[in-house]
Amino acid sequence: MEILRVEHLSKIYGKGENRVKALDDVSFSVEKGQFVAIIGPSGSGKSTLLHILGGVDRPTSGKVFVDGCDVYAQNEEQLAIFRRRQVGLIYQFYNLIPVLNVTENITLPVLMDGRQVNPERLSELLATLKLNGREHHLPNELSGGQQQRVSIGRALINAPAVVLADEPTGNLDSQNSREIVELLKASNRKYRQTLIVITHDESIALTADRILAIEDGRITRDEVIRP
């Protein structure tokens, strides 16, 4: 079942001599539950693509469909709701709110919608992320690995259709990196969530179901590792 479709996506920044084509006629689709690694050199367009998939940056042309929804046919209010509910964004820098504790940071997307937090869902996430006993800690009381787990919990709390991670282990040591990757893969399997990860780490890419390579804004390789 298709969960994501990208059609002829292009993104241009600047004008005249400063004109940069970050994405150039990119098209692909992703099946529900697939783990896709996006690789490529710095400046290849990887992060731009991820931001457009997540509704953070608008394309210059082309379309993005997530679970049948034409993302950029929505108005700004609808797009904000889409970002909170349909996609989970995880960055290299944790982007936690420093005055909120672990539970508050994780549940923020739900509370921003004025909805009730599902206590069973929260409890399950805290256990899966090995954050039990840290619920009331502030970000500065946590290790880097624990802070990244909180950011993962925040991305997963709404059970999004697609989880997008931009170099999620880039700030971590090798042990924490392995643990974070295993947590993402476990969530991918347990909830059949679609996972798209940007990485420079070949060992992470090789654990994916599929690898997309991007260079100069174009897909240069689309390889299925595990059908």
N, C-alpha and C. Protein backbone atom coordinates (compact mmCIF):
# COMPACT_ATOMS: atom_id res chain seq x y z
N MET A 1 0.84 -1.19 0.00
CA MET A 1 0.00 0.00 0.00
C MET A 1 0.88 1.25 0.00
N GLU A 2 0.63 2.16 -0.92
CA GLU A 2 1.43 3.38 -1.02
C GLU A 2 1.03 4.37 0.08
N ILE A 3 2.03 4.91 0.79
CA ILE A 3 1.77 5.90 1.83
C ILE A 3 2.27 7.28 1.43
N LEU A 4 3.27 7.33 0.54
CA LEU A 4 3.89 8.59 0.14
C LEU A 4 4.15 8.58 -1.36
N ARG A 5 3.80 9.68 -2.02
CA ARG A 5 4.10 9.82 -3.44
C ARG A 5 4.60 11.22 -3.74
N VAL A 6 5.70 11.30 -4.45
CA VAL A 6 6.31 12.57 -4.83
C VAL A 6 6.29 12.65 -6.35
N GLU A 7 5.76 13.74 -6.89
CA GLU A 7 5.62 13.88 -8.34
C GLU A 7 6.34 15.14 -8.83
N HIS A 8 7.40 14.95 -9.60
CA HIS A 8 8.09 16.03 -10.32
C HIS A 8 8.40 17.22 -9.40
N LEU A 9 9.03 16.90 -8.26
CA LEU A 9 9.30 17.91 -7.25
C LEU A 9 10.55 18.72 -7.60
N SER A 10 10.41 20.03 -7.57
CA SER A 10 11.55 20.93 -7.78
C SER A 10 11.53 22.02 -6.71
N LYS A 11 12.72 22.46 -6.33
CA LYS A 11 12.84 23.55 -5.38
C LYS A 11 13.99 24.46 -5.80
N ILE A 12 13.68 25.73 -5.99
CA ILE A 12 14.67 26.72 -6.41
C ILE A 12 14.74 27.82 -5.36
N TYR A 13 15.97 28.13 -4.95
CA TYR A 13 16.21 29.23 -4.02
C TYR A 13 16.90 30.37 -4.77
N GLY A 14 16.55 31.60 -4.46
CA GLY A 14 17.22 32.76 -5.02
C GLY A 14 16.84 33.05 -6.46
N LYS A 15 17.45 34.12 -6.98
CA LYS A 15 17.17 34.53 -8.36
C LYS A 15 18.46 34.97 -9.03
N GLY A 16 18.44 34.99 -10.36
CA GLY A 16 19.58 35.47 -11.13
C GLY A 16 20.84 34.71 -10.82
N GLU A 17 21.91 35.44 -10.51
CA GLU A 17 23.19 34.80 -10.24
C GLU A 17 23.16 33.97 -8.96
N ASN A 18 22.24 34.29 -8.08
CA ASN A 18 22.13 33.56 -6.80
C ASN A 18 21.15 32.39 -6.87
N ARG A 19 20.66 32.09 -8.06
CA ARG A 19 19.68 31.02 -8.23
C ARG A 19 20.32 29.65 -8.00
N VAL A 20 19.70 28.87 -7.11
CA VAL A 20 20.19 27.52 -6.81
C VAL A 20 19.02 26.55 -6.94
N LYS A 21 19.21 25.50 -7.74
CA LYS A 21 18.17 24.48 -7.86
C LYS A 21 18.52 23.35 -6.89
N ALA A 22 17.83 23.33 -5.75
CA ALA A 22 18.12 22.34 -4.71
C ALA A 22 17.54 20.98 -5.05
N LEU A 23 16.37 20.95 -5.71
CA LEU A 23 15.75 19.70 -6.17
C LEU A 23 15.34 19.88 -7.62
N ASP A 24 15.55 18.83 -8.41
CA ASP A 24 15.35 18.94 -9.85
C ASP A 24 14.52 17.75 -10.35
N ASP A 25 13.19 17.94 -10.43
CA ASP A 25 12.28 16.95 -11.01
C ASP A 25 12.40 15.57 -10.32
N VAL A 26 12.20 15.59 -9.01
CA VAL A 26 12.30 14.37 -8.20
C VAL A 26 10.94 13.68 -8.12
N SER A 27 10.90 12.40 -8.45
CA SER A 27 9.67 11.60 -8.35
C SER A 27 9.98 10.24 -7.75
N PHE A 28 9.16 9.79 -6.80
CA PHE A 28 9.27 8.44 -6.25
C PHE A 28 8.06 8.19 -5.37
N SER A 29 7.86 6.95 -4.98
CA SER A 29 6.79 6.61 -4.04
C SER A 29 7.34 5.65 -3.00
N VAL A 30 6.68 5.60 -1.85
CA VAL A 30 7.11 4.76 -0.73
C VAL A 30 5.91 3.97 -0.22
N GLU A 31 6.14 2.69 0.04
CA GLU A 31 5.08 1.83 0.56
C GLU A 31 4.97 1.97 2.07
N LYS A 32 3.77 1.76 2.58
CA LYS A 32 3.53 1.81 4.03
C LYS A 32 4.44 0.81 4.75
N GLY A 33 5.10 1.27 5.80
CA GLY A 33 5.95 0.41 6.61
C GLY A 33 7.36 0.28 6.11
N GLN A 34 7.69 0.89 4.99
CA GLN A 34 9.04 0.78 4.43
C GLN A 34 10.02 1.67 5.20
N PHE A 35 11.25 1.19 5.33
CA PHE A 35 12.34 1.95 5.93
C PHE A 35 13.27 2.36 4.79
N VAL A 36 13.30 3.67 4.51
CA VAL A 36 14.07 4.21 3.38
C VAL A 36 15.21 5.07 3.91
N ALA A 37 16.43 4.82 3.45
CA ALA A 37 17.58 5.66 3.77
C ALA A 37 17.87 6.56 2.58
N ILE A 38 18.04 7.86 2.84
CA ILE A 38 18.40 8.82 1.80
C ILE A 38 19.85 9.22 2.03
N ILE A 39 20.69 8.99 1.02
CA ILE A 39 22.11 9.30 1.14
C ILE A 39 22.53 10.26 0.03
N GLY A 40 23.68 10.88 0.22
CA GLY A 40 24.21 11.80 -0.78
C GLY A 40 25.16 12.77 -0.15
N PRO A 41 25.99 13.44 -0.95
CA PRO A 41 26.97 14.39 -0.41
C PRO A 41 26.29 15.63 0.16
N SER A 42 27.05 16.40 0.93
CA SER A 42 26.52 17.67 1.47
C SER A 42 26.09 18.57 0.32
N GLY A 43 24.94 19.23 0.48
CA GLY A 43 24.44 20.12 -0.55
C GLY A 43 23.74 19.43 -1.70
N SER A 44 23.47 18.14 -1.54
CA SER A 44 22.84 17.38 -2.64
C SER A 44 21.33 17.58 -2.72
N GLY A 45 20.72 18.12 -1.64
CA GLY A 45 19.27 18.32 -1.62
C GLY A 45 18.53 17.42 -0.66
N LYS A 46 19.26 16.61 0.11
CA LYS A 46 18.62 15.64 1.01
C LYS A 46 17.72 16.32 2.03
N SER A 47 18.26 17.29 2.76
CA SER A 47 17.48 17.96 3.81
C SER A 47 16.33 18.76 3.22
N THR A 48 16.57 19.39 2.07
CA THR A 48 15.48 20.12 1.41
C THR A 48 14.33 19.19 1.10
N LEU A 49 14.65 18.01 0.58
CA LEU A 49 13.61 17.01 0.27
C LEU A 49 12.85 16.62 1.53
N LEU A 50 13.57 16.36 2.61
CA LEU A 50 12.92 15.94 3.85
C LEU A 50 12.00 17.04 4.38
N HIS A 51 12.44 18.28 4.32
CA HIS A 51 11.61 19.39 4.81
C HIS A 51 10.34 19.55 3.98
N ILE A 52 10.44 19.33 2.68
CA ILE A 52 9.25 19.42 1.83
C ILE A 52 8.31 18.26 2.10
N LEU A 53 8.86 17.07 2.30
CA LEU A 53 8.01 15.91 2.64
C LEU A 53 7.26 16.16 3.95
N GLY A 54 7.90 16.87 4.87
CA GLY A 54 7.31 17.11 6.18
C GLY A 54 6.45 18.36 6.28
N GLY A 55 6.27 19.06 5.16
CA GLY A 55 5.42 20.24 5.18
C GLY A 55 6.08 21.46 5.79
N VAL A 56 7.41 21.43 5.92
CA VAL A 56 8.14 22.53 6.53
C VAL A 56 8.53 23.59 5.50
N ASP A 57 8.81 23.16 4.28
CA ASP A 57 9.24 24.07 3.21
C ASP A 57 8.44 23.75 1.96
N ARG A 58 7.93 24.76 1.30
CA ARG A 58 7.09 24.54 0.11
C ARG A 58 7.94 24.31 -1.13
N PRO A 59 7.50 23.41 -2.02
CA PRO A 59 8.23 23.20 -3.27
C PRO A 59 7.97 24.35 -4.24
N THR A 60 8.90 24.55 -5.16
CA THR A 60 8.68 25.52 -6.23
C THR A 60 7.66 24.96 -7.22
N SER A 61 7.75 23.67 -7.50
CA SER A 61 6.77 22.98 -8.35
C SER A 61 6.73 21.52 -7.97
N GLY A 62 5.67 20.83 -8.41
CA GLY A 62 5.51 19.42 -8.09
C GLY A 62 4.53 19.20 -6.95
N LYS A 63 4.27 17.94 -6.66
CA LYS A 63 3.28 17.58 -5.64
C LYS A 63 3.82 16.53 -4.69
N VAL A 64 3.29 16.57 -3.46
CA VAL A 64 3.59 15.57 -2.44
C VAL A 64 2.26 15.06 -1.89
N PHE A 65 2.07 13.75 -1.90
CA PHE A 65 0.88 13.13 -1.33
C PHE A 65 1.29 12.24 -0.16
N VAL A 66 0.68 12.44 1.00
CA VAL A 66 0.91 11.59 2.16
C VAL A 66 -0.42 10.97 2.57
N ASP A 67 -0.48 9.66 2.51
CA ASP A 67 -1.71 8.93 2.83
C ASP A 67 -2.90 9.47 2.04
N GLY A 68 -2.64 9.78 0.76
CA GLY A 68 -3.69 10.25 -0.14
C GLY A 68 -3.97 11.74 -0.08
N CYS A 69 -3.34 12.45 0.87
CA CYS A 69 -3.58 13.89 1.02
C CYS A 69 -2.57 14.68 0.19
N ASP A 70 -3.07 15.60 -0.65
CA ASP A 70 -2.22 16.51 -1.41
C ASP A 70 -1.73 17.58 -0.44
N VAL A 71 -0.49 17.42 0.04
CA VAL A 71 0.01 18.22 1.16
C VAL A 71 -0.09 19.72 0.89
N TYR A 72 0.35 20.16 -0.29
CA TYR A 72 0.45 21.59 -0.53
C TYR A 72 -0.80 22.18 -1.19
N ALA A 73 -1.87 21.39 -1.23
CA ALA A 73 -3.18 21.94 -1.58
C ALA A 73 -3.88 22.48 -0.34
N GLN A 74 -3.26 22.28 0.83
CA GLN A 74 -3.84 22.71 2.10
C GLN A 74 -3.48 24.18 2.39
N ASN A 75 -4.35 24.85 3.17
CA ASN A 75 -4.01 26.18 3.63
C ASN A 75 -3.05 26.08 4.82
N GLU A 76 -2.59 27.22 5.32
CA GLU A 76 -1.55 27.21 6.36
C GLU A 76 -2.03 26.54 7.65
N GLU A 77 -3.29 26.76 8.01
CA GLU A 77 -3.81 26.13 9.23
C GLU A 77 -3.86 24.62 9.07
N GLN A 78 -4.35 24.16 7.92
CA GLN A 78 -4.40 22.71 7.65
C GLN A 78 -3.01 22.12 7.61
N LEU A 79 -2.06 22.87 7.05
CA LEU A 79 -0.69 22.39 6.95
C LEU A 79 -0.04 22.24 8.33
N ALA A 80 -0.36 23.16 9.24
CA ALA A 80 0.16 23.07 10.60
C ALA A 80 -0.36 21.82 11.30
N ILE A 81 -1.63 21.52 11.11
CA ILE A 81 -2.22 20.30 11.69
C ILE A 81 -1.59 19.07 11.06
N PHE A 82 -1.38 19.11 9.75
CA PHE A 82 -0.72 18.00 9.04
C PHE A 82 0.65 17.72 9.64
N ARG A 83 1.42 18.78 9.89
CA ARG A 83 2.78 18.60 10.43
C ARG A 83 2.74 17.96 11.81
N ARG A 84 1.75 18.30 12.61
CA ARG A 84 1.67 17.74 13.96
C ARG A 84 1.17 16.31 13.98
N ARG A 85 0.25 15.97 13.07
CA ARG A 85 -0.44 14.68 13.16
C ARG A 85 0.03 13.62 12.17
N GLN A 86 0.40 14.04 10.97
CA GLN A 86 0.68 13.07 9.91
C GLN A 86 2.14 12.75 9.72
N VAL A 87 3.02 13.64 10.18
CA VAL A 87 4.45 13.36 10.07
C VAL A 87 5.12 13.55 11.42
N GLY A 88 6.16 12.77 11.65
CA GLY A 88 6.99 12.93 12.84
C GLY A 88 8.38 13.33 12.40
N LEU A 89 8.84 14.50 12.84
CA LEU A 89 10.13 15.03 12.42
C LEU A 89 11.16 14.88 13.54
N ILE A 90 12.31 14.30 13.18
CA ILE A 90 13.41 14.12 14.13
C ILE A 90 14.66 14.73 13.51
N TYR A 91 15.31 15.61 14.29
CA TYR A 91 16.49 16.30 13.77
C TYR A 91 17.74 15.88 14.54
N GLN A 92 18.89 16.23 13.96
CA GLN A 92 20.18 15.99 14.61
C GLN A 92 20.26 16.76 15.93
N PHE A 93 19.75 18.00 15.91
CA PHE A 93 19.71 18.79 17.13
C PHE A 93 18.31 18.64 17.71
N TYR A 94 18.23 18.31 18.97
CA TYR A 94 17.03 17.73 19.55
C TYR A 94 15.82 18.65 19.55
N ASN A 95 16.05 19.99 19.60
CA ASN A 95 14.96 20.97 19.53
C ASN A 95 13.93 20.77 20.64
N LEU A 96 14.40 20.40 21.81
CA LEU A 96 13.49 20.26 22.95
C LEU A 96 13.26 21.62 23.59
N ILE A 97 12.09 21.77 24.22
CA ILE A 97 11.78 23.01 24.94
C ILE A 97 12.44 22.92 26.32
N PRO A 98 13.41 23.79 26.62
CA PRO A 98 14.23 23.61 27.84
C PRO A 98 13.45 23.71 29.15
N VAL A 99 12.30 24.41 29.16
CA VAL A 99 11.55 24.58 30.42
C VAL A 99 10.49 23.49 30.59
N LEU A 100 10.38 22.58 29.62
CA LEU A 100 9.41 21.48 29.71
C LEU A 100 10.13 20.19 30.05
N ASN A 101 9.50 19.36 30.89
CA ASN A 101 10.12 18.09 31.24
C ASN A 101 9.90 17.05 30.13
N VAL A 102 10.37 15.84 30.37
CA VAL A 102 10.32 14.79 29.35
C VAL A 102 8.89 14.55 28.87
N THR A 103 7.97 14.33 29.81
CA THR A 103 6.58 14.07 29.43
C THR A 103 5.98 15.24 28.68
N GLU A 104 6.24 16.44 29.13
CA GLU A 104 5.68 17.63 28.48
C GLU A 104 6.23 17.82 27.08
N ASN A 105 7.52 17.56 26.89
CA ASN A 105 8.10 17.67 25.55
C ASN A 105 7.51 16.63 24.60
N ILE A 106 7.35 15.40 25.09
CA ILE A 106 6.82 14.33 24.24
C ILE A 106 5.37 14.60 23.84
N THR A 107 4.58 15.08 24.78
CA THR A 107 3.15 15.24 24.53
C THR A 107 2.78 16.59 23.92
N LEU A 108 3.76 17.44 23.69
CA LEU A 108 3.49 18.79 23.18
C LEU A 108 2.64 18.81 21.91
N PRO A 109 2.90 17.97 20.90
CA PRO A 109 2.07 18.01 19.68
C PRO A 109 0.60 17.71 19.95
N VAL A 110 0.32 16.83 20.91
CA VAL A 110 -1.06 16.50 21.25
C VAL A 110 -1.72 17.68 21.95
N LEU A 111 -1.01 18.26 22.91
CA LEU A 111 -1.57 19.38 23.68
C LEU A 111 -1.79 20.60 22.81
N MET A 112 -0.91 20.81 21.82
CA MET A 112 -1.08 21.96 20.92
C MET A 112 -2.37 21.85 20.11
N ASP A 113 -2.85 20.62 19.92
CA ASP A 113 -4.11 20.41 19.22
C ASP A 113 -5.31 20.48 20.16
N GLY A 114 -5.06 20.70 21.45
CA GLY A 114 -6.15 20.76 22.42
C GLY A 114 -6.78 19.41 22.66
N ARG A 115 -6.00 18.34 22.45
CA ARG A 115 -6.54 16.99 22.62
C ARG A 115 -6.00 16.35 23.90
N GLN A 116 -6.65 15.27 24.31
CA GLN A 116 -6.23 14.53 25.49
C GLN A 116 -5.11 13.55 25.13
N VAL A 117 -4.13 13.46 26.01
CA VAL A 117 -3.04 12.51 25.81
C VAL A 117 -3.53 11.11 26.16
N ASN A 118 -3.23 10.15 25.31
CA ASN A 118 -3.57 8.75 25.58
C ASN A 118 -2.53 8.21 26.57
N PRO A 119 -2.92 7.94 27.82
CA PRO A 119 -1.93 7.52 28.83
C PRO A 119 -1.26 6.19 28.50
N GLU A 120 -2.00 5.30 27.85
CA GLU A 120 -1.41 4.01 27.48
C GLU A 120 -0.34 4.19 26.41
N ARG A 121 -0.65 5.04 25.43
CA ARG A 121 0.32 5.34 24.38
C ARG A 121 1.58 5.97 24.97
N LEU A 122 1.41 6.94 25.87
CA LEU A 122 2.54 7.61 26.50
C LEU A 122 3.37 6.62 27.31
N SER A 123 2.71 5.80 28.10
CA SER A 123 3.42 4.83 28.93
C SER A 123 4.21 3.84 28.08
N GLU A 124 3.60 3.40 26.98
CA GLU A 124 4.27 2.45 26.08
C GLU A 124 5.51 3.10 25.45
N LEU A 125 5.36 4.37 25.03
CA LEU A 125 6.50 5.07 24.43
C LEU A 125 7.64 5.26 25.43
N LEU A 126 7.31 5.67 26.65
CA LEU A 126 8.33 5.87 27.67
C LEU A 126 9.09 4.58 27.95
N ALA A 127 8.37 3.47 27.96
CA ALA A 127 9.02 2.17 28.20
C ALA A 127 9.89 1.78 27.01
N THR A 128 9.36 1.94 25.81
CA THR A 128 10.11 1.58 24.60
C THR A 128 11.38 2.40 24.48
N LEU A 129 11.29 3.68 24.84
CA LEU A 129 12.43 4.60 24.71
C LEU A 129 13.34 4.57 25.94
N LYS A 130 13.02 3.72 26.89
CA LYS A 130 13.82 3.58 28.11
C LYS A 130 13.96 4.91 28.86
N LEU A 131 12.81 5.59 28.97
CA LEU A 131 12.77 6.87 29.68
C LEU A 131 11.99 6.79 30.97
N ASN A 132 11.62 5.58 31.38
CA ASN A 132 10.94 5.42 32.67
C ASN A 132 11.84 5.93 33.79
N GLY A 133 11.26 6.70 34.70
CA GLY A 133 12.04 7.29 35.77
C GLY A 133 12.64 8.64 35.42
N ARG A 134 12.48 9.04 34.15
CA ARG A 134 13.01 10.34 33.70
C ARG A 134 11.87 11.30 33.31
N GLU A 135 10.64 10.90 33.59
CA GLU A 135 9.48 11.65 33.10
C GLU A 135 9.50 13.12 33.50
N HIS A 136 10.02 13.43 34.69
CA HIS A 136 9.95 14.80 35.20
C HIS A 136 11.28 15.53 35.07
N HIS A 137 12.24 14.94 34.37
CA HIS A 137 13.53 15.58 34.17
C HIS A 137 13.44 16.62 33.05
N LEU A 138 14.17 17.72 33.21
CA LEU A 138 14.30 18.72 32.15
C LEU A 138 15.39 18.29 31.18
N PRO A 139 15.38 18.82 29.96
CA PRO A 139 16.38 18.42 28.96
C PRO A 139 17.82 18.54 29.45
N ASN A 140 18.15 19.61 30.22
CA ASN A 140 19.54 19.76 30.66
C ASN A 140 19.94 18.78 31.75
N GLU A 141 18.99 17.96 32.20
CA GLU A 141 19.29 16.91 33.18
C GLU A 141 19.44 15.54 32.51
N LEU A 142 19.42 15.53 31.18
CA LEU A 142 19.49 14.28 30.42
C LEU A 142 20.78 14.22 29.61
N SER A 143 21.21 13.01 29.30
CA SER A 143 22.33 12.83 28.38
C SER A 143 21.88 13.12 26.95
N GLY A 144 22.84 13.23 26.02
CA GLY A 144 22.50 13.47 24.62
C GLY A 144 21.62 12.36 24.05
N GLY A 145 21.96 11.13 24.38
CA GLY A 145 21.15 10.00 23.89
C GLY A 145 19.73 10.04 24.42
N GLN A 146 19.58 10.41 25.70
CA GLN A 146 18.24 10.51 26.29
C GLN A 146 17.45 11.66 25.66
N GLN A 147 18.11 12.78 25.39
CA GLN A 147 17.42 13.89 24.74
C GLN A 147 16.93 13.50 23.35
N GLN A 148 17.74 12.74 22.62
CA GLN A 148 17.30 12.30 21.29
C GLN A 148 16.13 11.34 21.41
N ARG A 149 16.10 10.52 22.46
CA ARG A 149 14.96 9.63 22.67
C ARG A 149 13.68 10.43 22.93
N VAL A 150 13.82 11.53 23.67
CA VAL A 150 12.65 12.39 23.91
C VAL A 150 12.15 12.96 22.59
N SER A 151 13.06 13.40 21.74
CA SER A 151 12.65 13.96 20.44
C SER A 151 11.99 12.90 19.58
N ILE A 152 12.45 11.65 19.71
CA ILE A 152 11.79 10.55 18.98
C ILE A 152 10.39 10.31 19.54
N GLY A 153 10.26 10.34 20.86
CA GLY A 153 8.95 10.18 21.48
C GLY A 153 7.98 11.24 21.02
N ARG A 154 8.44 12.48 20.95
CA ARG A 154 7.59 13.58 20.47
C ARG A 154 7.16 13.33 19.03
N ALA A 155 8.07 12.80 18.21
CA ALA A 155 7.74 12.53 16.81
C ALA A 155 6.74 11.38 16.66
N LEU A 156 6.73 10.46 17.65
CA LEU A 156 5.89 9.27 17.54
C LEU A 156 4.56 9.36 18.29
N ILE A 157 4.41 10.36 19.16
CA ILE A 157 3.25 10.39 20.07
C ILE A 157 1.92 10.39 19.33
N ASN A 158 1.86 11.00 18.14
CA ASN A 158 0.61 11.05 17.39
C ASN A 158 0.44 9.89 16.42
N ALA A 159 1.33 8.88 16.52
CA ALA A 159 1.29 7.75 15.59
C ALA A 159 1.21 8.22 14.14
N PRO A 160 2.19 9.01 13.69
CA PRO A 160 2.13 9.61 12.35
C PRO A 160 2.23 8.58 11.24
N ALA A 161 1.76 8.98 10.06
CA ALA A 161 1.85 8.08 8.90
C ALA A 161 3.29 7.89 8.47
N VAL A 162 4.10 8.95 8.58
CA VAL A 162 5.49 8.91 8.13
C VAL A 162 6.39 9.56 9.19
N VAL A 163 7.50 8.90 9.49
CA VAL A 163 8.51 9.47 10.39
C VAL A 163 9.71 9.87 9.55
N LEU A 164 10.13 11.14 9.69
CA LEU A 164 11.23 11.69 8.90
C LEU A 164 12.36 12.08 9.85
N ALA A 165 13.54 11.53 9.62
CA ALA A 165 14.67 11.78 10.51
C ALA A 165 15.86 12.31 9.72
N ASP A 166 16.36 13.48 10.12
CA ASP A 166 17.47 14.14 9.43
C ASP A 166 18.74 13.97 10.27
N GLU A 167 19.60 13.02 9.87
CA GLU A 167 20.84 12.73 10.60
C GLU A 167 20.57 12.57 12.10
N PRO A 168 19.68 11.65 12.49
CA PRO A 168 19.27 11.58 13.90
C PRO A 168 20.38 11.14 14.85
N THR A 169 21.48 10.59 14.32
CA THR A 169 22.57 10.15 15.20
C THR A 169 23.81 11.03 15.05
N GLY A 170 23.69 12.13 14.31
CA GLY A 170 24.85 12.95 14.00
C GLY A 170 25.51 13.58 15.21
N ASN A 171 24.77 13.72 16.32
CA ASN A 171 25.30 14.38 17.52
C ASN A 171 25.70 13.40 18.61
N LEU A 172 25.65 12.09 18.28
CA LEU A 172 25.80 11.06 19.31
C LEU A 172 27.05 10.23 19.11
N ASP A 173 27.51 9.61 20.20
CA ASP A 173 28.64 8.69 20.08
C ASP A 173 28.15 7.38 19.46
N SER A 174 29.08 6.47 19.16
CA SER A 174 28.73 5.27 18.40
C SER A 174 27.74 4.37 19.14
N GLN A 175 27.88 4.23 20.46
CA GLN A 175 26.96 3.38 21.21
C GLN A 175 25.54 3.94 21.19
N ASN A 176 25.42 5.25 21.48
CA ASN A 176 24.10 5.87 21.45
C ASN A 176 23.52 5.86 20.05
N SER A 177 24.37 6.01 19.04
CA SER A 177 23.90 5.98 17.65
C SER A 177 23.26 4.64 17.33
N ARG A 178 23.93 3.56 17.74
CA ARG A 178 23.38 2.22 17.49
C ARG A 178 22.04 2.04 18.19
N GLU A 179 21.95 2.53 19.44
CA GLU A 179 20.71 2.38 20.21
C GLU A 179 19.56 3.17 19.57
N ILE A 180 19.86 4.38 19.10
CA ILE A 180 18.82 5.21 18.48
C ILE A 180 18.33 4.57 17.19
N VAL A 181 19.25 4.05 16.39
CA VAL A 181 18.86 3.39 15.14
C VAL A 181 18.00 2.16 15.44
N GLU A 182 18.37 1.40 16.45
CA GLU A 182 17.59 0.22 16.81
C GLU A 182 16.20 0.60 17.30
N LEU A 183 16.09 1.72 18.04
CA LEU A 183 14.79 2.19 18.49
C LEU A 183 13.91 2.59 17.31
N LEU A 184 14.48 3.29 16.35
CA LEU A 184 13.72 3.69 15.17
C LEU A 184 13.27 2.47 14.37
N LYS A 185 14.14 1.50 14.23
CA LYS A 185 13.78 0.28 13.49
C LYS A 185 12.72 -0.51 14.24
N ALA A 186 12.83 -0.54 15.58
CA ALA A 186 11.83 -1.27 16.37
C ALA A 186 10.46 -0.62 16.23
N SER A 187 10.42 0.71 16.24
CA SER A 187 9.15 1.43 16.04
C SER A 187 8.61 1.17 14.65
N ASN A 188 9.49 1.16 13.67
CA ASN A 188 9.11 0.87 12.29
C ASN A 188 8.42 -0.49 12.18
N ARG A 189 8.99 -1.47 12.88
CA ARG A 189 8.42 -2.83 12.83
C ARG A 189 7.15 -2.93 13.67
N LYS A 190 7.19 -2.39 14.89
CA LYS A 190 6.09 -2.56 15.84
C LYS A 190 4.81 -1.89 15.36
N TYR A 191 4.95 -0.64 14.89
CA TYR A 191 3.78 0.14 14.50
C TYR A 191 3.57 0.19 12.99
N ARG A 192 4.42 -0.52 12.26
CA ARG A 192 4.40 -0.50 10.80
C ARG A 192 4.41 0.94 10.28
N GLN A 193 5.21 1.75 10.93
CA GLN A 193 5.35 3.14 10.52
C GLN A 193 6.38 3.25 9.40
N THR A 194 6.11 4.13 8.48
CA THR A 194 7.05 4.38 7.40
C THR A 194 8.15 5.28 7.94
N LEU A 195 9.39 4.90 7.70
CA LEU A 195 10.55 5.60 8.24
C LEU A 195 11.47 6.03 7.12
N ILE A 196 11.74 7.33 7.04
CA ILE A 196 12.66 7.88 6.04
C ILE A 196 13.76 8.62 6.78
N VAL A 197 15.00 8.15 6.59
CA VAL A 197 16.14 8.66 7.35
C VAL A 197 17.21 9.20 6.41
N ILE A 198 17.63 10.43 6.65
CA ILE A 198 18.81 10.97 5.97
C ILE A 198 20.02 10.58 6.79
N THR A 199 21.04 10.04 6.14
CA THR A 199 22.23 9.63 6.87
C THR A 199 23.47 9.67 6.00
N HIS A 200 24.60 9.97 6.65
CA HIS A 200 25.91 9.83 6.01
C HIS A 200 26.55 8.51 6.41
N ASP A 201 25.91 7.80 7.34
CA ASP A 201 26.46 6.57 7.90
C ASP A 201 26.05 5.37 7.04
N GLU A 202 27.01 4.79 6.36
CA GLU A 202 26.71 3.67 5.47
C GLU A 202 26.14 2.48 6.22
N SER A 203 26.60 2.26 7.47
CA SER A 203 26.11 1.12 8.24
C SER A 203 24.62 1.26 8.54
N ILE A 204 24.15 2.50 8.73
CA ILE A 204 22.72 2.74 8.94
C ILE A 204 21.96 2.50 7.64
N ALA A 205 22.49 3.05 6.55
CA ALA A 205 21.82 2.91 5.25
C ALA A 205 21.64 1.45 4.87
N LEU A 206 22.62 0.62 5.19
CA LEU A 206 22.56 -0.78 4.79
C LEU A 206 21.56 -1.59 5.61
N THR A 207 21.03 -1.01 6.71
CA THR A 207 20.00 -1.71 7.48
C THR A 207 18.60 -1.37 6.96
N ALA A 208 18.51 -0.42 6.03
CA ALA A 208 17.21 0.01 5.49
C ALA A 208 16.66 -1.01 4.50
N ASP A 209 15.37 -0.86 4.19
CA ASP A 209 14.75 -1.70 3.16
C ASP A 209 15.12 -1.20 1.76
N ARG A 210 15.44 0.10 1.69
CA ARG A 210 15.64 0.73 0.39
C ARG A 210 16.56 1.94 0.55
N ILE A 211 17.39 2.17 -0.45
CA ILE A 211 18.30 3.31 -0.43
C ILE A 211 18.00 4.21 -1.63
N LEU A 212 17.80 5.51 -1.33
CA LEU A 212 17.70 6.52 -2.37
C LEU A 212 18.95 7.40 -2.29
N ALA A 213 19.69 7.50 -3.38
CA ALA A 213 20.86 8.37 -3.43
C ALA A 213 20.52 9.63 -4.21
N ILE A 214 20.89 10.78 -3.67
CA ILE A 214 20.62 12.06 -4.31
C ILE A 214 21.93 12.79 -4.56
N GLU A 215 22.04 13.38 -5.73
CA GLU A 215 23.20 14.19 -6.07
C GLU A 215 22.74 15.33 -6.98
N ASP A 216 23.17 16.55 -6.63
CA ASP A 216 22.79 17.74 -7.40
C ASP A 216 21.27 17.84 -7.60
N GLY A 217 20.52 17.46 -6.54
CA GLY A 217 19.08 17.62 -6.57
C GLY A 217 18.32 16.56 -7.34
N ARG A 218 19.01 15.53 -7.81
CA ARG A 218 18.35 14.46 -8.58
C ARG A 218 18.60 13.11 -7.94
N ILE A 219 17.64 12.22 -8.08
CA ILE A 219 17.84 10.85 -7.60
C ILE A 219 18.72 10.11 -8.60
N THR A 220 19.86 9.64 -8.10
CA THR A 220 20.81 8.94 -8.97
C THR A 220 20.80 7.43 -8.75
N ARG A 221 20.14 6.99 -7.68
CA ARG A 221 20.10 5.56 -7.37
C ARG A 221 18.87 5.29 -6.53
N ASP A 222 18.17 4.23 -6.87
CA ASP A 222 17.00 3.78 -6.11
C ASP A 222 17.10 2.27 -6.02
N GLU A 223 17.59 1.80 -4.86
CA GLU A 223 17.92 0.38 -4.72
C GLU A 223 17.13 -0.25 -3.57
N VAL A 224 16.41 -1.31 -3.86
CA VAL A 224 15.70 -2.06 -2.83
C VAL A 224 16.67 -3.09 -2.23
N ILE A 225 16.90 -2.98 -0.92
CA ILE A 225 17.80 -3.89 -0.24
C ILE A 225 17.03 -5.11 0.26
N ARG A 226 15.84 -4.82 0.84
CA ARG A 226 14.98 -5.89 1.34
C ARG A 226 13.58 -5.67 0.82
N PRO A 227 13.08 -6.58 0.00
CA PRO A 227 11.73 -6.39 -0.58
C PRO A 227 10.65 -6.48 0.49
